[in-house]
Every structure is written in structure tokens, then in C-alpha cells.
Amino acid sequence: MKKKPTAVPVAAPQTKTTPQAKSAPVAAKKPSAPVTKPAPAPAPKAKPAPAAAPAPKPASASAAPVSQPASSTPAPKSRKALPGPTTIVALIDAGWGNQVFLRGEGGELSWDYGIPMTCRGANEWVWVSTSGAPAHTFKFVLNDVFWEIGANRIAGAGETFAGTPSF
């Protein structure tokens, strides 16, 4: 007779487990005395973040490309620096008791009446225009009566013009 083989029980592999401590529920404690917390320090003011531009939508394969509309804000134009003051200098010794005037056009000048110049030395008379006119066309006039001889003179905006008049 044949012996039937006997099955040997195979043990399952053993894994190590660490015992976990069971925590008991903690009951909230009631304070016996009132507890005051210090006031929180004020937070520094944060700068607002710049707004992010919306992401462009992906174009679908069947749609034709669409051009984006121009921005409603025009591009900044470059500004030219405004010219400084125009200075006109008469290099002449007008003599004691006399004064040099200007007549002309551009800015504050007029052909109808003279504007007195300021004496800054024995032979220097100065006038400064702050009008920003593109040019001043003028003549020197002694005592607002005697006009200088020759053609009209021209001083550009922001320039310093110096001339010797002949009366």
C-alpha cells in the first residue's frame, strides 16, 4: 500500500509590527484665571501685486486666425525737452542816464512799445524771455526813441544772443 503524502503546513511569512500606543482623548482644561494675550503687532503694508495679463486663448484648428485689437492706450510719445530761456545781450556803453530797450516780435516783444533791458555792467544790457517762443525778431532801441541801424536781429528759442548795436 502506498502511503499518501502528508501535507506539511507552510507558515505565513512573519512581519514585524511595532505596537502603537493608544492615546486617550484629552479633555480641554478650563483656565482658572483669565488669560490675556498681547495685541498682535501690526503687519507691514504690502504693495499690491500688479495685475497679471490674461493668458491668450488657444486657437482651435478649424478657426481662422484673428488679429488682436489695438490697445486703447496710445504708445507714449517722445517729448522734446522744452528750450531754456532766451537771453538777449546788448554789448554797448549807453552812457550815464540812458537805457537800452528791445522792440520786436515773439514772446513778450512788441514793435509798438519797448521792453527795458537790465544793465549788468558798464557795457552789458540783458533781457531774458521765459515765454518759450520759437524765435524772437528784434531791434535794440536807445531810450525807446532811437532805433539801431541795420537789419532786424533773430534769437532762437533757448539761445543766448549777444550783439553790439549801432545808433
N, C-alpha and C. Protein backbone atom coordinates (compact mmCIF):
# COMPACT_ATOMS: atom_id res chain seq x y z
N MET A 1 0.77 -1.14 0.00
CA MET A 1 0.00 0.00 0.00
C MET A 1 0.85 1.25 0.00
N LYS A 2 0.31 2.06 -0.70
CA LYS A 2 1.09 3.27 -0.85
C LYS A 2 0.68 4.23 0.23
N LYS A 3 1.63 4.89 0.70
CA LYS A 3 1.33 5.92 1.70
C LYS A 3 1.02 7.22 1.01
N LYS A 4 0.06 7.80 1.49
CA LYS A 4 -0.29 9.09 0.95
C LYS A 4 0.63 10.14 1.57
N PRO A 5 1.09 10.97 0.72
CA PRO A 5 1.97 12.00 1.30
C PRO A 5 1.15 12.94 2.18
N THR A 6 1.75 13.30 3.21
CA THR A 6 1.06 14.20 4.13
C THR A 6 1.48 15.65 3.84
N ALA A 7 0.55 16.46 3.91
CA ALA A 7 0.83 17.87 3.62
C ALA A 7 1.44 18.53 4.84
N VAL A 8 2.48 19.21 4.56
CA VAL A 8 3.14 19.94 5.65
C VAL A 8 2.62 21.39 5.63
N PRO A 9 2.10 21.80 6.71
CA PRO A 9 1.59 23.17 6.70
C PRO A 9 2.73 24.18 6.55
N VAL A 10 2.50 25.14 5.67
CA VAL A 10 3.50 26.19 5.42
C VAL A 10 3.10 27.41 6.23
N ALA A 11 4.03 27.93 6.95
CA ALA A 11 3.74 29.10 7.79
C ALA A 11 3.82 30.37 6.94
N ALA A 12 2.96 31.29 7.22
CA ALA A 12 2.97 32.57 6.50
C ALA A 12 4.18 33.38 6.96
N PRO A 13 4.74 34.17 6.04
CA PRO A 13 5.91 34.96 6.45
C PRO A 13 5.50 35.95 7.54
N GLN A 14 6.41 36.10 8.45
CA GLN A 14 6.11 36.98 9.57
C GLN A 14 6.69 38.37 9.31
N THR A 15 5.90 39.40 9.65
CA THR A 15 6.38 40.77 9.54
C THR A 15 6.36 41.37 10.93
N LYS A 16 7.32 42.22 11.16
CA LYS A 16 7.40 42.84 12.48
C LYS A 16 6.49 44.06 12.50
N THR A 17 5.74 44.14 13.53
CA THR A 17 4.89 45.31 13.72
C THR A 17 5.26 45.91 15.06
N THR A 18 5.26 47.23 15.08
CA THR A 18 5.57 47.90 16.35
C THR A 18 4.26 48.26 17.01
N PRO A 19 4.18 48.02 18.24
CA PRO A 19 2.94 48.34 18.94
C PRO A 19 2.78 49.87 19.03
N GLN A 20 1.60 50.36 18.73
CA GLN A 20 1.34 51.79 18.83
C GLN A 20 0.62 52.07 20.13
N ALA A 21 1.05 53.14 20.73
CA ALA A 21 0.42 53.49 21.99
C ALA A 21 -0.92 54.13 21.70
N LYS A 22 -1.86 53.75 22.43
CA LYS A 22 -3.17 54.33 22.28
C LYS A 22 -3.22 55.62 23.09
N SER A 23 -3.71 56.65 22.41
CA SER A 23 -3.78 57.93 23.13
C SER A 23 -5.21 58.10 23.61
N ALA A 24 -5.27 58.51 24.80
CA ALA A 24 -6.58 58.74 25.39
C ALA A 24 -7.04 60.13 25.01
N PRO A 25 -8.29 60.32 24.82
CA PRO A 25 -8.77 61.66 24.48
C PRO A 25 -8.46 62.63 25.61
N VAL A 26 -7.99 63.82 25.19
CA VAL A 26 -7.61 64.83 26.17
C VAL A 26 -8.78 65.78 26.35
N ALA A 27 -9.15 65.96 27.57
CA ALA A 27 -10.25 66.86 27.87
C ALA A 27 -9.70 68.28 27.92
N ALA A 28 -10.43 69.23 27.37
CA ALA A 28 -9.98 70.63 27.38
C ALA A 28 -9.99 71.14 28.80
N LYS A 29 -8.90 71.80 29.16
CA LYS A 29 -8.81 72.35 30.50
C LYS A 29 -9.41 73.74 30.50
N LYS A 30 -10.12 74.04 31.50
CA LYS A 30 -10.66 75.36 31.66
C LYS A 30 -9.66 76.18 32.46
N PRO A 31 -9.34 77.37 31.96
CA PRO A 31 -8.37 78.17 32.71
C PRO A 31 -8.97 78.62 34.03
N SER A 32 -8.11 78.62 35.01
CA SER A 32 -8.57 79.02 36.33
C SER A 32 -8.62 80.54 36.45
N ALA A 33 -7.74 81.26 35.69
CA ALA A 33 -7.74 82.72 35.71
C ALA A 33 -7.83 83.18 34.27
N PRO A 34 -8.39 84.36 34.03
CA PRO A 34 -8.48 84.83 32.65
C PRO A 34 -7.07 85.05 32.08
N VAL A 35 -6.91 84.61 30.86
CA VAL A 35 -5.62 84.73 30.19
C VAL A 35 -5.75 85.85 29.16
N THR A 36 -4.81 86.80 29.21
CA THR A 36 -4.83 87.87 28.22
C THR A 36 -3.66 87.67 27.29
N LYS A 37 -3.94 87.80 26.02
CA LYS A 37 -2.89 87.66 25.01
C LYS A 37 -2.43 89.04 24.62
N PRO A 38 -1.14 89.21 24.34
CA PRO A 38 -0.67 90.52 23.88
C PRO A 38 -1.26 90.82 22.50
N ALA A 39 -1.49 92.10 22.26
CA ALA A 39 -2.05 92.50 20.98
C ALA A 39 -1.05 92.18 19.87
N PRO A 40 -1.54 91.68 18.76
CA PRO A 40 -0.59 91.36 17.67
C PRO A 40 -0.01 92.64 17.08
N ALA A 41 1.25 92.56 16.67
CA ALA A 41 1.91 93.70 16.05
C ALA A 41 1.28 93.95 14.69
N PRO A 42 1.13 95.22 14.31
CA PRO A 42 0.52 95.48 13.00
C PRO A 42 1.43 94.96 11.89
N ALA A 43 0.81 94.34 10.93
CA ALA A 43 1.56 93.79 9.81
C ALA A 43 1.98 94.91 8.88
N PRO A 44 3.18 94.82 8.29
CA PRO A 44 3.59 95.87 7.34
C PRO A 44 2.67 95.86 6.13
N LYS A 45 2.43 97.06 5.59
CA LYS A 45 1.54 97.15 4.43
C LYS A 45 2.22 96.53 3.22
N ALA A 46 1.50 95.68 2.58
CA ALA A 46 2.04 95.02 1.39
C ALA A 46 1.68 95.84 0.17
N LYS A 47 2.59 95.89 -0.78
CA LYS A 47 2.31 96.58 -2.04
C LYS A 47 1.39 95.70 -2.86
N PRO A 48 0.42 96.32 -3.52
CA PRO A 48 -0.47 95.49 -4.33
C PRO A 48 0.30 94.89 -5.50
N ALA A 49 0.02 93.65 -5.74
CA ALA A 49 0.69 92.95 -6.84
C ALA A 49 0.14 93.46 -8.16
N PRO A 50 1.01 93.63 -9.16
CA PRO A 50 0.50 94.09 -10.46
C PRO A 50 -0.43 93.04 -11.04
N ALA A 51 -1.44 93.53 -11.70
CA ALA A 51 -2.42 92.62 -12.29
C ALA A 51 -1.77 91.83 -13.43
N ALA A 52 -2.00 90.55 -13.42
CA ALA A 52 -1.43 89.70 -14.45
C ALA A 52 -2.27 89.82 -15.71
N ALA A 53 -1.61 89.81 -16.83
CA ALA A 53 -2.33 89.88 -18.10
C ALA A 53 -3.03 88.56 -18.34
N PRO A 54 -4.23 88.60 -18.88
CA PRO A 54 -4.93 87.33 -19.13
C PRO A 54 -4.18 86.52 -20.18
N ALA A 55 -4.17 85.21 -19.96
CA ALA A 55 -3.48 84.32 -20.90
C ALA A 55 -4.26 84.24 -22.20
N PRO A 56 -3.57 84.24 -23.33
CA PRO A 56 -4.30 84.16 -24.60
C PRO A 56 -4.97 82.80 -24.74
N LYS A 57 -6.13 82.82 -25.37
CA LYS A 57 -6.85 81.57 -25.57
C LYS A 57 -6.23 80.81 -26.72
N PRO A 58 -6.10 79.49 -26.59
CA PRO A 58 -5.54 78.72 -27.69
C PRO A 58 -6.51 78.72 -28.87
N ALA A 59 -5.98 78.85 -30.03
CA ALA A 59 -6.82 78.87 -31.24
C ALA A 59 -7.21 77.44 -31.59
N SER A 60 -8.45 77.29 -32.02
CA SER A 60 -8.88 75.97 -32.43
C SER A 60 -8.39 75.71 -33.86
N ALA A 61 -8.30 74.47 -34.22
CA ALA A 61 -7.76 74.09 -35.52
C ALA A 61 -8.66 74.57 -36.65
N SER A 62 -9.97 74.63 -36.43
CA SER A 62 -10.88 74.99 -37.51
C SER A 62 -11.09 76.50 -37.64
N ALA A 63 -10.74 77.26 -36.62
CA ALA A 63 -10.98 78.71 -36.66
C ALA A 63 -9.84 79.41 -37.39
N ALA A 64 -10.20 80.45 -38.13
CA ALA A 64 -9.19 81.25 -38.83
C ALA A 64 -8.51 82.14 -37.80
N PRO A 65 -7.23 82.49 -38.02
CA PRO A 65 -6.55 83.35 -37.05
C PRO A 65 -7.20 84.73 -36.99
N VAL A 66 -7.34 85.23 -35.78
CA VAL A 66 -7.97 86.52 -35.56
C VAL A 66 -6.92 87.45 -35.01
N SER A 67 -6.82 88.64 -35.59
CA SER A 67 -5.83 89.59 -35.09
C SER A 67 -6.36 90.23 -33.83
N GLN A 68 -5.45 90.54 -32.91
CA GLN A 68 -5.82 91.15 -31.65
C GLN A 68 -6.11 92.63 -31.90
N PRO A 69 -7.11 93.21 -31.25
CA PRO A 69 -7.39 94.64 -31.43
C PRO A 69 -6.26 95.46 -30.80
N ALA A 70 -6.05 96.63 -31.36
CA ALA A 70 -5.00 97.51 -30.84
C ALA A 70 -5.38 97.94 -29.43
N SER A 71 -4.38 98.19 -28.63
CA SER A 71 -4.60 98.62 -27.26
C SER A 71 -5.26 99.99 -27.27
N SER A 72 -6.15 100.23 -26.31
CA SER A 72 -6.83 101.52 -26.24
C SER A 72 -5.90 102.61 -25.71
N THR A 73 -4.79 102.23 -25.10
CA THR A 73 -3.83 103.20 -24.60
C THR A 73 -2.80 103.48 -25.70
N PRO A 74 -2.67 104.73 -26.13
CA PRO A 74 -1.69 105.01 -27.19
C PRO A 74 -0.28 104.86 -26.66
N ALA A 75 0.62 104.54 -27.57
CA ALA A 75 2.02 104.40 -27.19
C ALA A 75 2.53 105.76 -26.74
N PRO A 76 3.40 105.79 -25.72
CA PRO A 76 3.89 107.07 -25.24
C PRO A 76 4.70 107.77 -26.33
N LYS A 77 4.41 109.07 -26.51
CA LYS A 77 5.14 109.84 -27.49
C LYS A 77 6.38 110.42 -26.83
N SER A 78 7.46 110.46 -27.58
CA SER A 78 8.66 111.05 -27.01
C SER A 78 8.47 112.56 -26.97
N ARG A 79 8.76 113.12 -25.84
CA ARG A 79 8.60 114.56 -25.68
C ARG A 79 9.95 115.23 -25.85
N LYS A 80 9.92 116.31 -26.59
CA LYS A 80 11.13 117.07 -26.73
C LYS A 80 11.29 117.94 -25.49
N ALA A 81 12.52 118.09 -25.07
CA ALA A 81 12.78 118.94 -23.92
C ALA A 81 12.47 120.38 -24.30
N LEU A 82 11.77 121.06 -23.45
CA LEU A 82 11.45 122.45 -23.71
C LEU A 82 12.74 123.26 -23.67
N PRO A 83 12.85 124.23 -24.56
CA PRO A 83 14.07 125.03 -24.56
C PRO A 83 14.12 125.89 -23.31
N GLY A 84 15.33 126.20 -22.91
CA GLY A 84 15.51 127.08 -21.76
C GLY A 84 15.16 128.51 -22.15
N PRO A 85 15.40 129.44 -21.27
CA PRO A 85 15.07 130.83 -21.58
C PRO A 85 15.95 131.39 -22.68
N THR A 86 15.40 132.31 -23.45
CA THR A 86 16.16 133.02 -24.49
C THR A 86 16.74 134.27 -23.85
N THR A 87 18.04 134.46 -24.01
CA THR A 87 18.72 135.61 -23.43
C THR A 87 19.27 136.49 -24.54
N ILE A 88 18.99 137.78 -24.46
CA ILE A 88 19.49 138.75 -25.45
C ILE A 88 20.36 139.75 -24.70
N VAL A 89 21.58 139.93 -25.20
CA VAL A 89 22.55 140.81 -24.55
C VAL A 89 22.98 141.89 -25.55
N ALA A 90 22.92 143.16 -25.12
CA ALA A 90 23.42 144.28 -25.93
C ALA A 90 24.76 144.70 -25.33
N LEU A 91 25.81 144.62 -26.13
CA LEU A 91 27.15 144.99 -25.67
C LEU A 91 27.41 146.44 -26.10
N ILE A 92 27.04 147.37 -25.24
CA ILE A 92 27.18 148.80 -25.57
C ILE A 92 27.24 149.62 -24.29
N ASP A 93 28.04 150.67 -24.32
CA ASP A 93 28.05 151.63 -23.23
C ASP A 93 27.07 152.72 -23.64
N ALA A 94 25.88 152.68 -23.04
CA ALA A 94 24.82 153.61 -23.43
C ALA A 94 25.04 155.01 -22.86
N GLY A 95 25.92 155.14 -21.92
CA GLY A 95 26.16 156.45 -21.30
C GLY A 95 25.27 156.66 -20.09
N TRP A 96 25.75 157.60 -19.22
CA TRP A 96 25.05 157.86 -17.96
C TRP A 96 23.65 158.41 -18.24
N GLY A 97 22.62 157.79 -17.57
CA GLY A 97 21.25 158.25 -17.69
C GLY A 97 20.49 157.68 -18.88
N ASN A 98 21.11 156.89 -19.71
CA ASN A 98 20.44 156.28 -20.86
C ASN A 98 20.07 154.83 -20.55
N GLN A 99 19.13 154.29 -21.31
CA GLN A 99 18.72 152.90 -21.14
C GLN A 99 18.47 152.28 -22.50
N VAL A 100 18.76 150.96 -22.61
CA VAL A 100 18.54 150.23 -23.85
C VAL A 100 17.23 149.46 -23.72
N PHE A 101 16.43 149.51 -24.78
CA PHE A 101 15.14 148.81 -24.84
C PHE A 101 15.17 147.82 -26.00
N LEU A 102 14.22 146.91 -25.98
CA LEU A 102 14.01 145.96 -27.09
C LEU A 102 12.63 146.18 -27.66
N ARG A 103 12.54 146.10 -28.99
CA ARG A 103 11.24 146.05 -29.66
C ARG A 103 11.32 144.92 -30.68
N GLY A 104 10.21 144.26 -30.90
CA GLY A 104 10.21 143.18 -31.87
C GLY A 104 8.97 142.32 -31.77
N GLU A 105 9.13 141.05 -32.10
CA GLU A 105 8.01 140.10 -32.04
C GLU A 105 8.52 138.76 -31.56
N GLY A 106 7.62 138.01 -30.97
CA GLY A 106 7.96 136.71 -30.39
C GLY A 106 7.99 136.84 -28.88
N GLY A 107 7.23 136.01 -28.22
CA GLY A 107 7.19 136.07 -26.76
C GLY A 107 6.56 137.36 -26.29
N GLU A 108 7.24 138.06 -25.40
CA GLU A 108 6.70 139.30 -24.83
C GLU A 108 7.00 140.53 -25.67
N LEU A 109 7.77 140.40 -26.73
CA LEU A 109 8.20 141.57 -27.52
C LEU A 109 7.06 142.11 -28.38
N SER A 110 7.14 143.43 -28.63
CA SER A 110 6.16 144.09 -29.48
C SER A 110 6.89 145.18 -30.25
N TRP A 111 6.45 145.46 -31.49
CA TRP A 111 7.01 146.54 -32.29
C TRP A 111 6.42 147.88 -31.85
N ASP A 112 5.32 147.85 -31.08
CA ASP A 112 4.63 149.07 -30.67
C ASP A 112 5.23 149.74 -29.43
N TYR A 113 5.83 148.98 -28.55
CA TYR A 113 6.40 149.55 -27.33
C TYR A 113 7.67 148.77 -26.97
N GLY A 114 8.58 149.43 -26.28
CA GLY A 114 9.85 148.83 -25.91
C GLY A 114 9.82 148.17 -24.54
N ILE A 115 10.62 147.15 -24.39
CA ILE A 115 10.80 146.48 -23.11
C ILE A 115 12.19 146.85 -22.60
N PRO A 116 12.30 147.40 -21.39
CA PRO A 116 13.61 147.82 -20.89
C PRO A 116 14.52 146.63 -20.60
N MET A 117 15.79 146.79 -20.92
CA MET A 117 16.80 145.77 -20.63
C MET A 117 17.45 146.13 -19.29
N THR A 118 18.06 145.16 -18.64
CA THR A 118 18.70 145.36 -17.34
C THR A 118 20.19 145.58 -17.54
N CYS A 119 20.72 146.62 -16.90
CA CYS A 119 22.15 146.92 -17.00
C CYS A 119 22.91 146.02 -16.03
N ARG A 120 23.88 145.28 -16.57
CA ARG A 120 24.67 144.37 -15.73
C ARG A 120 26.14 144.74 -15.72
N GLY A 121 26.47 145.87 -16.16
CA GLY A 121 27.87 146.30 -16.17
C GLY A 121 28.00 147.55 -17.01
N ALA A 122 29.21 148.01 -17.17
CA ALA A 122 29.45 149.25 -17.90
C ALA A 122 28.99 149.17 -19.35
N ASN A 123 29.10 148.02 -19.96
CA ASN A 123 28.70 147.90 -21.37
C ASN A 123 27.90 146.61 -21.63
N GLU A 124 27.04 146.23 -20.70
CA GLU A 124 26.25 145.00 -20.89
C GLU A 124 24.82 145.21 -20.43
N TRP A 125 23.88 145.06 -21.36
CA TRP A 125 22.45 145.17 -21.09
C TRP A 125 21.82 143.82 -21.43
N VAL A 126 21.00 143.27 -20.49
CA VAL A 126 20.48 141.90 -20.64
C VAL A 126 18.96 141.89 -20.52
N TRP A 127 18.35 141.03 -21.35
CA TRP A 127 16.92 140.74 -21.25
C TRP A 127 16.75 139.24 -21.41
N VAL A 128 15.91 138.62 -20.54
CA VAL A 128 15.67 137.17 -20.57
C VAL A 128 14.19 136.92 -20.78
N SER A 129 13.87 136.12 -21.80
CA SER A 129 12.49 135.74 -22.09
C SER A 129 12.25 134.33 -21.58
N THR A 130 11.14 134.14 -20.92
CA THR A 130 10.77 132.80 -20.45
C THR A 130 9.51 132.31 -21.15
N SER A 131 9.14 132.96 -22.25
CA SER A 131 7.88 132.63 -22.94
C SER A 131 7.94 131.31 -23.68
N GLY A 132 9.14 130.85 -24.07
CA GLY A 132 9.24 129.61 -24.83
C GLY A 132 8.90 129.80 -26.29
N ALA A 133 8.87 131.06 -26.76
CA ALA A 133 8.57 131.34 -28.18
C ALA A 133 9.66 130.70 -29.05
N PRO A 134 9.31 130.22 -30.25
CA PRO A 134 10.30 129.55 -31.09
C PRO A 134 11.40 130.48 -31.56
N ALA A 135 11.12 131.78 -31.68
CA ALA A 135 12.15 132.75 -32.09
C ALA A 135 11.71 134.14 -31.69
N HIS A 136 12.70 135.01 -31.54
CA HIS A 136 12.44 136.42 -31.25
C HIS A 136 13.12 137.24 -32.34
N THR A 137 12.36 138.07 -33.03
CA THR A 137 12.90 139.01 -34.02
C THR A 137 12.86 140.38 -33.35
N PHE A 138 13.99 141.09 -33.35
CA PHE A 138 14.04 142.31 -32.54
C PHE A 138 15.04 143.32 -33.07
N LYS A 139 14.98 144.51 -32.45
CA LYS A 139 15.96 145.59 -32.64
C LYS A 139 16.21 146.21 -31.28
N PHE A 140 17.44 146.70 -31.09
CA PHE A 140 17.76 147.47 -29.90
C PHE A 140 17.31 148.91 -30.13
N VAL A 141 16.79 149.56 -29.08
CA VAL A 141 16.31 150.95 -29.18
C VAL A 141 16.85 151.71 -27.96
N LEU A 142 17.57 152.81 -28.21
CA LEU A 142 18.15 153.60 -27.13
C LEU A 142 17.09 154.55 -26.60
N ASN A 143 16.86 154.47 -25.28
CA ASN A 143 15.85 155.28 -24.57
C ASN A 143 14.46 155.12 -25.17
N ASP A 144 14.19 154.03 -25.86
CA ASP A 144 12.93 153.72 -26.52
C ASP A 144 12.54 154.81 -27.54
N VAL A 145 13.60 155.46 -28.09
CA VAL A 145 13.38 156.51 -29.10
C VAL A 145 14.25 156.26 -30.33
N PHE A 146 15.53 156.01 -30.14
CA PHE A 146 16.49 155.90 -31.25
C PHE A 146 16.72 154.42 -31.60
N TRP A 147 16.30 154.04 -32.81
CA TRP A 147 16.40 152.65 -33.26
C TRP A 147 17.80 152.39 -33.79
N GLU A 148 18.25 151.16 -33.58
CA GLU A 148 19.57 150.79 -34.11
C GLU A 148 19.52 150.74 -35.63
N ILE A 149 20.68 150.90 -36.25
CA ILE A 149 20.82 150.88 -37.70
C ILE A 149 21.02 149.43 -38.14
N GLY A 150 20.43 149.05 -39.26
CA GLY A 150 20.66 147.72 -39.81
C GLY A 150 19.41 146.85 -39.78
N ALA A 151 19.61 145.61 -40.18
CA ALA A 151 18.51 144.65 -40.29
C ALA A 151 18.06 144.18 -38.91
N ASN A 152 16.86 143.59 -38.89
CA ASN A 152 16.34 143.01 -37.65
C ASN A 152 17.23 141.85 -37.23
N ARG A 153 17.29 141.63 -35.95
CA ARG A 153 18.09 140.51 -35.40
C ARG A 153 17.14 139.37 -35.00
N ILE A 154 17.66 138.15 -34.98
CA ILE A 154 16.83 136.98 -34.63
C ILE A 154 17.58 136.15 -33.60
N ALA A 155 16.87 135.79 -32.53
CA ALA A 155 17.40 134.88 -31.50
C ALA A 155 16.45 133.69 -31.41
N GLY A 156 16.99 132.48 -31.54
CA GLY A 156 16.18 131.26 -31.46
C GLY A 156 15.83 130.93 -30.02
N ALA A 157 14.87 130.03 -29.87
CA ALA A 157 14.41 129.62 -28.53
C ALA A 157 15.56 128.97 -27.77
N GLY A 158 15.76 129.40 -26.55
CA GLY A 158 16.78 128.82 -25.69
C GLY A 158 18.18 129.32 -25.97
N GLU A 159 18.34 130.20 -26.93
CA GLU A 159 19.68 130.70 -27.29
C GLU A 159 20.06 131.91 -26.44
N THR A 160 21.35 132.19 -26.41
CA THR A 160 21.85 133.44 -25.85
C THR A 160 22.44 134.22 -27.02
N PHE A 161 21.86 135.37 -27.28
CA PHE A 161 22.30 136.22 -28.39
C PHE A 161 23.03 137.42 -27.80
N ALA A 162 24.19 137.74 -28.32
CA ALA A 162 24.93 138.93 -27.90
C ALA A 162 25.31 139.72 -29.14
N GLY A 163 25.01 141.01 -29.13
CA GLY A 163 25.32 141.87 -30.27
C GLY A 163 25.65 143.28 -29.84
N THR A 164 26.36 143.99 -30.72
CA THR A 164 26.72 145.39 -30.46
C THR A 164 25.93 146.26 -31.41
N PRO A 165 24.95 147.01 -30.88
CA PRO A 165 24.13 147.85 -31.77
C PRO A 165 24.85 149.13 -32.17
N SER A 166 24.46 149.68 -33.32
CA SER A 166 24.94 150.99 -33.79
C SER A 166 23.74 151.89 -33.91
N PHE A 167 23.83 153.09 -33.27
CA PHE A 167 22.70 154.02 -33.30
C PHE A 167 23.05 155.21 -34.15
